[in-house]
Amino acid sequence: MEVQTKTNPLIEAMFKAGAHFGYVRSRRHPSVKPYLWGTKNKVEIFNLEKTSEALEQAKEFVKEIAKAGGIILFVGGKQESQEIIRKAAESISMPYVSGRWLGGTLTNFIQIRKRVSTYEDLVSKREKGEFVGKYTKKERLLIDRKIDKMHVMFSGLIALKDKPAVLFVIDPKREYIAVAEAHLENIPIIGVCGSDSNLKEVDYPIPGNDASVHSISFFVQELVESFKEGRGAKI
């Protein structure tokens, strides 16, 4: 069986990014079957024509969210996606989670928002030198450690002033807690879904390689550009 042919620029770009690679057949979730082209060297291959259709639908939805001034929360805790997610979200001033998802980020938003505000307040006071003279050197060291710990947890959520209009997730299977919270809060989900993901849990699934830096980067950038287009100007 030969590799599927590339029929348009989008499909060709996805092919070059390795977006067509899934996992071994034993890991396949039944919901993904309609989006598969076949198997090569025991690895399942996505039908990129269908992936391109799903991607276009997700991009149109992102444009509408951007036009309405909505917030997109980027989520990608797996190592391959962390830096990509952070840079992409920051490029359009959107919030992100590029590490461990904090339970309650959506379902207990008010409390999470308070903790983010506490982090911002501590950072502001440190930058202004308000701790000098007020605390001992040892106490300031402990405060610095607290701020560093909070930075990892909350720095990406500073731009999340209200609940997001949509969740954009890399690998919904891995980020199942975030997905579950979005469902409870009726927040639509866009997800880059590997062949082991349940596509029925995602409102706008993008079936493709969710384990490759190149593939993840491609999909993320496509949605970032759609967001910019929806806002009507480069951010």
C-alpha atoms as a PDB file:
ATOM      1  CA  MET A   1       0.000   0.000   0.000  1.00  0.00           C
ATOM      2  CA  GLU A   2       1.491   3.302  -1.058  1.00  0.00           C
ATOM      3  CA  VAL A   3       1.346   6.493   0.910  1.00  0.00           C
ATOM      4  CA  GLN A   4      -1.715   8.594   0.083  1.00  0.00           C
ATOM      5  CA  THR A   5      -1.206  11.243  -2.552  1.00  0.00           C
ATOM      6  CA  LYS A   6      -1.159  14.928  -1.752  1.00  0.00           C
ATOM      7  CA  THR A   7      -3.915  16.791  -3.545  1.00  0.00           C
ATOM      8  CA  ASN A   8      -3.698  20.370  -2.271  1.00  0.00           C
ATOM      9  CA  PRO A   9      -1.258  22.720  -0.479  1.00  0.00           C
ATOM     10  CA  LEU A  10      -2.816  22.139   2.952  1.00  0.00           C
ATOM     11  CA  ILE A  11      -2.601  18.365   2.632  1.00  0.00           C
ATOM     12  CA  GLU A  12       0.953  18.633   1.338  1.00  0.00           C
ATOM     13  CA  ALA A  13       1.937  20.821   4.300  1.00  0.00           C
ATOM     14  CA  MET A  14       0.383  18.342   6.737  1.00  0.00           C
ATOM     15  CA  PHE A  15       2.163  15.475   5.006  1.00  0.00           C
ATOM     16  CA  LYS A  16       5.528  17.253   5.325  1.00  0.00           C
ATOM     17  CA  ALA A  17       4.822  17.880   9.002  1.00  0.00           C
ATOM     18  CA  GLY A  18       4.146  14.180   9.553  1.00  0.00           C
ATOM     19  CA  ALA A  19       0.549  14.843  10.562  1.00  0.00           C
ATOM     20  CA  HIS A  20      -0.591  11.597   8.943  1.00  0.00           C
ATOM     21  CA  PHE A  21       1.010   9.285  11.499  1.00  0.00           C
ATOM     22  CA  GLY A  22      -1.183   7.673  14.139  1.00  0.00           C
ATOM     23  CA  TYR A  23      -0.278   4.994  16.660  1.00  0.00           C
ATOM     24  CA  VAL A  24      -0.163   1.220  16.319  1.00  0.00           C
ATOM     25  CA  ARG A  25      -3.507  -0.395  15.585  1.00  0.00           C
ATOM     26  CA  SER A  26      -3.850  -1.899  19.068  1.00  0.00           C
ATOM     27  CA  ARG A  27      -4.151   1.637  20.502  1.00  0.00           C
ATOM     28  CA  ARG A  28      -6.870   2.789  18.099  1.00  0.00           C
ATOM     29  CA  HIS A  29     -10.072   4.227  19.496  1.00  0.00           C
ATOM     30  CA  PRO A  30     -13.118   3.106  17.463  1.00  0.00           C
ATOM     31  CA  SER A  31     -14.246   6.710  16.861  1.00  0.00           C
ATOM     32  CA  VAL A  32     -11.120   7.369  14.773  1.00  0.00           C
ATOM     33  CA  LYS A  33     -11.707   4.600  12.227  1.00  0.00           C
ATOM     34  CA  PRO A  34     -13.584   6.781   9.665  1.00  0.00           C
ATOM     35  CA  TYR A  35     -10.595   9.141   9.533  1.00  0.00           C
ATOM     36  CA  LEU A  36      -7.972   6.510   8.790  1.00  0.00           C
ATOM     37  CA  TRP A  37      -6.515   5.767   5.388  1.00  0.00           C
ATOM     38  CA  GLY A  38      -4.747   2.520   6.212  1.00  0.00           C
ATOM     39  CA  THR A  39      -1.716   1.031   7.949  1.00  0.00           C
ATOM     40  CA  LYS A  40       1.959   1.267   7.111  1.00  0.00           C
ATOM     41  CA  ASN A  41       4.649  -0.632   9.017  1.00  0.00           C
ATOM     42  CA  LYS A  42       2.063  -1.411  11.730  1.00  0.00           C
ATOM     43  CA  VAL A  43       1.383   2.310  12.243  1.00  0.00           C
ATOM     44  CA  GLU A  44      -2.060   3.643  11.347  1.00  0.00           C
ATOM     45  CA  ILE A  45      -2.161   6.452   8.798  1.00  0.00           C
ATOM     46  CA  PHE A  46      -4.698   9.257   8.851  1.00  0.00           C
ATOM     47  CA  ASN A  47      -6.618  10.199   5.735  1.00  0.00           C
ATOM     48  CA  LEU A  48      -5.346  13.753   5.360  1.00  0.00           C
ATOM     49  CA  GLU A  49      -8.229  14.749   3.115  1.00  0.00           C
ATOM     50  CA  LYS A  50     -10.587  14.176   6.023  1.00  0.00           C
ATOM     51  CA  THR A  51      -8.144  15.784   8.441  1.00  0.00           C
ATOM     52  CA  SER A  52      -8.008  18.884   6.237  1.00  0.00           C
ATOM     53  CA  GLU A  53     -11.814  19.110   6.277  1.00  0.00           C
ATOM     54  CA  ALA A  54     -11.858  18.861  10.074  1.00  0.00           C
ATOM     55  CA  LEU A  55      -9.065  21.426  10.353  1.00  0.00           C
ATOM     56  CA  GLU A  56     -10.939  23.905   8.163  1.00  0.00           C
ATOM     57  CA  GLN A  57     -14.032  23.557  10.338  1.00  0.00           C
ATOM     58  CA  ALA A  58     -11.969  24.231  13.458  1.00  0.00           C
ATOM     59  CA  LYS A  59     -10.318  27.240  11.819  1.00  0.00           C
ATOM     60  CA  GLU A  60     -13.663  28.761  10.886  1.00  0.00           C
ATOM     61  CA  PHE A  61     -14.873  28.304  14.437  1.00  0.00           C
ATOM     62  CA  VAL A  62     -11.725  29.994  15.773  1.00  0.00           C
ATOM     63  CA  LYS A  63     -12.298  32.945  13.435  1.00  0.00           C
ATOM     64  CA  GLU A  64     -15.810  33.384  14.794  1.00  0.00           C
ATOM     65  CA  ILE A  65     -14.545  33.246  18.377  1.00  0.00           C
ATOM     66  CA  ALA A  66     -11.891  35.848  17.560  1.00  0.00           C
ATOM     67  CA  LYS A  67     -14.402  38.147  15.843  1.00  0.00           C
ATOM     68  CA  ALA A  68     -16.591  38.003  18.943  1.00  0.00           C
ATOM     69  CA  GLY A  69     -13.648  38.866  21.186  1.00  0.00           C
ATOM     70  CA  GLY A  70     -13.714  35.457  22.864  1.00  0.00           C
ATOM     71  CA  ILE A  71     -10.908  33.864  24.838  1.00  0.00           C
ATOM     72  CA  ILE A  72      -9.200  30.651  23.758  1.00  0.00           C
ATOM     73  CA  LEU A  73      -7.482  28.645  26.476  1.00  0.00           C
ATOM     74  CA  PHE A  74      -4.568  26.674  25.015  1.00  0.00           C
ATOM     75  CA  VAL A  75      -3.831  23.372  26.771  1.00  0.00           C
ATOM     76  CA  GLY A  76      -0.861  21.127  26.081  1.00  0.00           C
ATOM     77  CA  GLY A  77       0.907  19.472  28.968  1.00  0.00           C
ATOM     78  CA  LYS A  78       2.797  16.771  27.102  1.00  0.00           C
ATOM     79  CA  GLN A  79       6.476  17.530  26.619  1.00  0.00           C
ATOM     80  CA  GLU A  80       6.279  17.801  22.828  1.00  0.00           C
ATOM     81  CA  SER A  81       3.662  20.533  23.007  1.00  0.00           C
ATOM     82  CA  GLN A  82       4.597  22.650  26.031  1.00  0.00           C
ATOM     83  CA  GLU A  83       6.841  25.247  24.386  1.00  0.00           C
ATOM     84  CA  ILE A  84       4.713  25.367  21.240  1.00  0.00           C
ATOM     85  CA  ILE A  85       1.566  26.041  23.250  1.00  0.00           C
ATOM     86  CA  ARG A  86       3.223  28.709  25.371  1.00  0.00           C
ATOM     87  CA  LYS A  87       4.690  30.653  22.450  1.00  0.00           C
ATOM     88  CA  ALA A  88       1.512  30.403  20.381  1.00  0.00           C
ATOM     89  CA  ALA A  89      -0.756  31.604  23.171  1.00  0.00           C
ATOM     90  CA  GLU A  90       1.579  34.454  24.103  1.00  0.00           C
ATOM     91  CA  SER A  91       1.760  35.564  20.456  1.00  0.00           C
ATOM     92  CA  ILE A  92      -1.967  36.374  20.537  1.00  0.00           C
ATOM     93  CA  SER A  93      -2.205  37.316  24.240  1.00  0.00           C
ATOM     94  CA  MET A  94      -4.264  34.248  25.125  1.00  0.00           C
ATOM     95  CA  PRO A  95      -4.053  32.139  28.318  1.00  0.00           C
ATOM     96  CA  TYR A  96      -2.454  28.719  28.363  1.00  0.00           C
ATOM     97  CA  VAL A  97      -1.638  25.655  30.423  1.00  0.00           C
ATOM     98  CA  SER A  98       1.633  24.128  29.285  1.00  0.00           C
ATOM     99  CA  GLY A  99       2.172  21.866  32.269  1.00  0.00           C
ATOM    100  CA  ARG A 100      -0.044  20.022  34.705  1.00  0.00           C
ATOM    101  CA  TRP A 101      -3.713  20.961  34.532  1.00  0.00           C
ATOM    102  CA  LEU A 102      -4.919  22.392  37.831  1.00  0.00           C
ATOM    103  CA  GLY A 103      -8.137  20.707  38.852  1.00  0.00           C
ATOM    104  CA  GLY A 104     -10.872  23.315  39.104  1.00  0.00           C
ATOM    105  CA  THR A 105      -9.400  25.713  36.565  1.00  0.00           C
ATOM    106  CA  LEU A 106     -12.821  25.829  34.915  1.00  0.00           C
ATOM    107  CA  THR A 107     -15.190  24.305  37.467  1.00  0.00           C
ATOM    108  CA  ASN A 108     -13.806  26.333  40.383  1.00  0.00           C
ATOM    109  CA  PHE A 109     -12.749  29.337  38.339  1.00  0.00           C
ATOM    110  CA  ILE A 110     -13.328  31.994  41.006  1.00  0.00           C
ATOM    111  CA  GLN A 111     -10.902  30.357  43.439  1.00  0.00           C
ATOM    112  CA  ILE A 112      -8.299  29.747  40.739  1.00  0.00           C
ATOM    113  CA  ARG A 113      -8.630  33.387  39.675  1.00  0.00           C
ATOM    114  CA  LYS A 114      -7.967  34.485  43.266  1.00  0.00           C
ATOM    115  CA  ARG A 115      -4.756  32.434  43.347  1.00  0.00           C
ATOM    116  CA  VAL A 116      -3.634  33.923  40.043  1.00  0.00           C
ATOM    117  CA  SER A 117      -4.277  37.409  41.441  1.00  0.00           C
ATOM    118  CA  THR A 118      -2.222  36.551  44.535  1.00  0.00           C
ATOM    119  CA  TYR A 119       0.640  35.465  42.280  1.00  0.00           C
ATOM    120  CA  GLU A 120       0.421  38.705  40.281  1.00  0.00           C
ATOM    121  CA  ASP A 121       0.412  40.743  43.496  1.00  0.00           C
ATOM    122  CA  LEU A 122       3.508  39.004  44.856  1.00  0.00           C
ATOM    123  CA  VAL A 123       5.387  39.474  41.579  1.00  0.00           C
ATOM    124  CA  SER A 124       4.440  43.164  41.485  1.00  0.00           C
ATOM    125  CA  LYS A 125       5.582  43.755  45.066  1.00  0.00           C
ATOM    126  CA  ARG A 126       8.884  41.976  44.465  1.00  0.00           C
ATOM    127  CA  GLU A 127       9.558  44.013  41.325  1.00  0.00           C
ATOM    128  CA  LYS A 128       8.862  47.222  43.244  1.00  0.00           C
ATOM    129  CA  GLY A 129      11.250  46.174  46.022  1.00  0.00           C
ATOM    130  CA  GLU A 130       8.531  46.195  48.666  1.00  0.00           C
ATOM    131  CA  PHE A 131       9.929  43.114  50.400  1.00  0.00           C
ATOM    132  CA  VAL A 132      13.319  44.699  51.068  1.00  0.00           C
ATOM    133  CA  GLY A 133      13.486  46.014  54.611  1.00  0.00           C
ATOM    134  CA  LYS A 134      10.139  44.482  55.462  1.00  0.00           C
ATOM    135  CA  TYR A 135      11.350  40.879  55.534  1.00  0.00           C
ATOM    136  CA  THR A 136      14.621  39.218  56.463  1.00  0.00           C
ATOM    137  CA  LYS A 137      16.860  37.740  53.801  1.00  0.00           C
ATOM    138  CA  LYS A 138      15.658  34.245  54.720  1.00  0.00           C
ATOM    139  CA  GLU A 139      12.018  35.315  54.551  1.00  0.00           C
ATOM    140  CA  ARG A 140      12.552  36.913  51.154  1.00  0.00           C
ATOM    141  CA  LEU A 141      14.156  33.700  49.934  1.00  0.00           C
ATOM    142  CA  LEU A 142      11.073  31.754  51.013  1.00  0.00           C
ATOM    143  CA  ILE A 143       8.846  34.277  49.237  1.00  0.00           C
ATOM    144  CA  ASP A 144      10.946  33.943  46.083  1.00  0.00           C
ATOM    145  CA  ARG A 145      10.542  30.181  46.189  1.00  0.00           C
ATOM    146  CA  LYS A 146       6.788  30.567  46.615  1.00  0.00           C
ATOM    147  CA  ILE A 147       6.624  32.917  43.646  1.00  0.00           C
ATOM    148  CA  ASP A 148       8.696  30.533  41.516  1.00  0.00           C
ATOM    149  CA  LYS A 149       6.345  27.679  42.374  1.00  0.00           C
ATOM    150  CA  MET A 150       3.294  29.797  41.622  1.00  0.00           C
ATOM    151  CA  HIS A 151       4.856  30.924  38.344  1.00  0.00           C
ATOM    152  CA  VAL A 152       4.848  27.353  37.070  1.00  0.00           C
ATOM    153  CA  MET A 153       1.193  26.903  38.011  1.00  0.00           C
ATOM    154  CA  PHE A 154      -0.342  30.287  37.248  1.00  0.00           C
ATOM    155  CA  SER A 155       1.741  32.418  34.875  1.00  0.00           C
ATOM    156  CA  GLY A 156      -0.070  31.108  31.803  1.00  0.00           C
ATOM    157  CA  LEU A 157      -3.459  31.920  33.317  1.00  0.00           C
ATOM    158  CA  ILE A 158      -2.872  35.644  33.872  1.00  0.00           C
ATOM    159  CA  ALA A 159      -4.758  36.461  30.655  1.00  0.00           C
ATOM    160  CA  LEU A 160      -7.706  34.296  31.744  1.00  0.00           C
ATOM    161  CA  LYS A 161      -9.865  37.015  33.283  1.00  0.00           C
ATOM    162  CA  ASP A 162     -13.069  35.088  32.654  1.00  0.00           C
ATOM    163  CA  LYS A 163     -14.022  31.585  31.574  1.00  0.00           C
ATOM    164  CA  PRO A 164     -12.819  30.859  28.037  1.00  0.00           C
ATOM    165  CA  ALA A 165     -15.089  30.686  25.020  1.00  0.00           C
ATOM    166  CA  VAL A 166     -13.286  27.573  23.825  1.00  0.00           C
ATOM    167  CA  LEU A 167     -10.624  25.096  24.922  1.00  0.00           C
ATOM    168  CA  PHE A 168      -7.898  24.161  22.420  1.00  0.00           C
ATOM    169  CA  VAL A 169      -6.297  20.906  23.532  1.00  0.00           C
ATOM    170  CA  ILE A 170      -3.356  18.884  22.309  1.00  0.00           C
ATOM    171  CA  ASP A 171      -4.127  15.213  22.993  1.00  0.00           C
ATOM    172  CA  PRO A 172      -7.576  15.190  24.667  1.00  0.00           C
ATOM    173  CA  LYS A 173      -6.936  11.682  25.989  1.00  0.00           C
ATOM    174  CA  ARG A 174      -4.022  12.942  28.080  1.00  0.00           C
ATOM    175  CA  GLU A 175      -5.872  16.101  29.119  1.00  0.00           C
ATOM    176  CA  TYR A 176      -8.991  14.208  30.179  1.00  0.00           C
ATOM    177  CA  ILE A 177      -9.483  16.316  33.323  1.00  0.00           C
ATOM    178  CA  ALA A 178      -9.504  19.545  31.296  1.00  0.00           C
ATOM    179  CA  VAL A 179     -11.893  17.954  28.813  1.00  0.00           C
ATOM    180  CA  ALA A 180     -14.222  16.802  31.602  1.00  0.00           C
ATOM    181  CA  GLU A 181     -14.270  20.280  33.168  1.00  0.00           C
ATOM    182  CA  ALA A 182     -15.031  21.882  29.807  1.00  0.00           C
ATOM    183  CA  HIS A 183     -17.976  19.523  29.371  1.00  0.00           C
ATOM    184  CA  LEU A 184     -19.338  20.424  32.798  1.00  0.00           C
ATOM    185  CA  GLU A 185     -19.075  24.132  31.974  1.00  0.00           C
ATOM    186  CA  ASN A 186     -20.475  23.741  28.425  1.00  0.00           C
ATOM    187  CA  ILE A 187     -17.268  25.082  26.907  1.00  0.00           C
ATOM    188  CA  PRO A 188     -16.643  23.795  23.362  1.00  0.00           C
ATOM    189  CA  ILE A 189     -13.409  21.937  22.690  1.00  0.00           C
ATOM    190  CA  ILE A 190     -11.060  21.931  19.728  1.00  0.00           C
ATOM    191  CA  GLY A 191      -8.582  19.075  19.925  1.00  0.00           C
ATOM    192  CA  VAL A 192      -5.637  17.694  17.990  1.00  0.00           C
ATOM    193  CA  CYS A 193      -6.485  14.017  18.391  1.00  0.00           C
ATOM    194  CA  GLY A 194      -4.197  11.059  17.896  1.00  0.00           C
ATOM    195  CA  SER A 195      -5.588   7.704  16.820  1.00  0.00           C
ATOM    196  CA  ASP A 196      -6.045   6.698  20.472  1.00  0.00           C
ATOM    197  CA  SER A 197      -8.401   9.602  21.262  1.00  0.00           C
ATOM    198  CA  ASN A 198     -12.176   9.490  21.552  1.00  0.00           C
ATOM    199  CA  LEU A 199     -13.250  12.014  18.929  1.00  0.00           C
ATOM    200  CA  LYS A 200     -16.786  12.058  20.306  1.00  0.00           C
ATOM    201  CA  GLU A 201     -15.540  13.921  23.392  1.00  0.00           C
ATOM    202  CA  VAL A 202     -14.373  16.848  21.265  1.00  0.00           C
ATOM    203  CA  ASP A 203     -16.629  19.346  19.493  1.00  0.00           C
ATOM    204  CA  TYR A 204     -14.069  20.104  16.766  1.00  0.00           C
ATOM    205  CA  PRO A 205     -11.682  17.145  16.558  1.00  0.00           C
ATOM    206  CA  ILE A 206      -8.635  17.440  14.304  1.00  0.00           C
ATOM    207  CA  PRO A 207      -7.532  13.833  13.665  1.00  0.00           C
ATOM    208  CA  GLY A 208      -3.759  13.811  13.289  1.00  0.00           C
ATOM    209  CA  ASN A 209      -0.378  13.217  14.813  1.00  0.00           C
ATOM    210  CA  ASP A 210      -0.484  14.592  18.361  1.00  0.00           C
ATOM    211  CA  ALA A 211       2.939  13.266  19.365  1.00  0.00           C
ATOM    212  CA  SER A 212       5.273  15.051  16.964  1.00  0.00           C
ATOM    213  CA  VAL A 213       6.696  18.529  17.509  1.00  0.00           C
ATOM    214  CA  HIS A 214       6.419  19.307  13.788  1.00  0.00           C
ATOM    215  CA  SER A 215       2.812  18.134  13.528  1.00  0.00           C
ATOM    216  CA  ILE A 216       1.688  19.871  16.719  1.00  0.00           C
ATOM    217  CA  SER A 217       3.425  23.068  15.657  1.00  0.00           C
ATOM    218  CA  PHE A 218       1.682  22.961  12.282  1.00  0.00           C
ATOM    219  CA  PHE A 219      -1.810  22.546  13.695  1.00  0.00           C
ATOM    220  CA  VAL A 220      -1.277  25.164  16.399  1.00  0.00           C
ATOM    221  CA  GLN A 221       0.038  27.714  13.928  1.00  0.00           C
ATOM    222  CA  GLU A 222      -2.892  27.134  11.582  1.00  0.00           C
ATOM    223  CA  LEU A 223      -5.326  27.999  14.364  1.00  0.00           C
ATOM    224  CA  VAL A 224      -3.259  30.967  15.528  1.00  0.00           C
ATOM    225  CA  GLU A 225      -3.349  32.419  12.018  1.00  0.00           C
ATOM    226  CA  SER A 226      -7.115  31.888  11.890  1.00  0.00           C
ATOM    227  CA  PHE A 227      -7.450  33.691  15.200  1.00  0.00           C
ATOM    228  CA  LYS A 228      -5.438  36.641  13.866  1.00  0.00           C
ATOM    229  CA  GLU A 229      -7.546  36.694  10.738  1.00  0.00           C
ATOM    230  CA  GLY A 230     -10.687  36.724  12.843  1.00  0.00           C
ATOM    231  CA  ARG A 231      -9.421  39.678  14.846  1.00  0.00           C
ATOM    232  CA  GLY A 232      -8.819  41.457  11.573  1.00  0.00           C
ATOM    233  CA  ALA A 233      -5.232  42.418  12.322  1.00  0.00           C
ATOM    234  CA  LYS A 234      -1.944  40.959  13.368  1.00  0.00           C
ATOM    235  CA  ILE A 235      -1.506  40.847  17.108  1.00  0.00           C
END
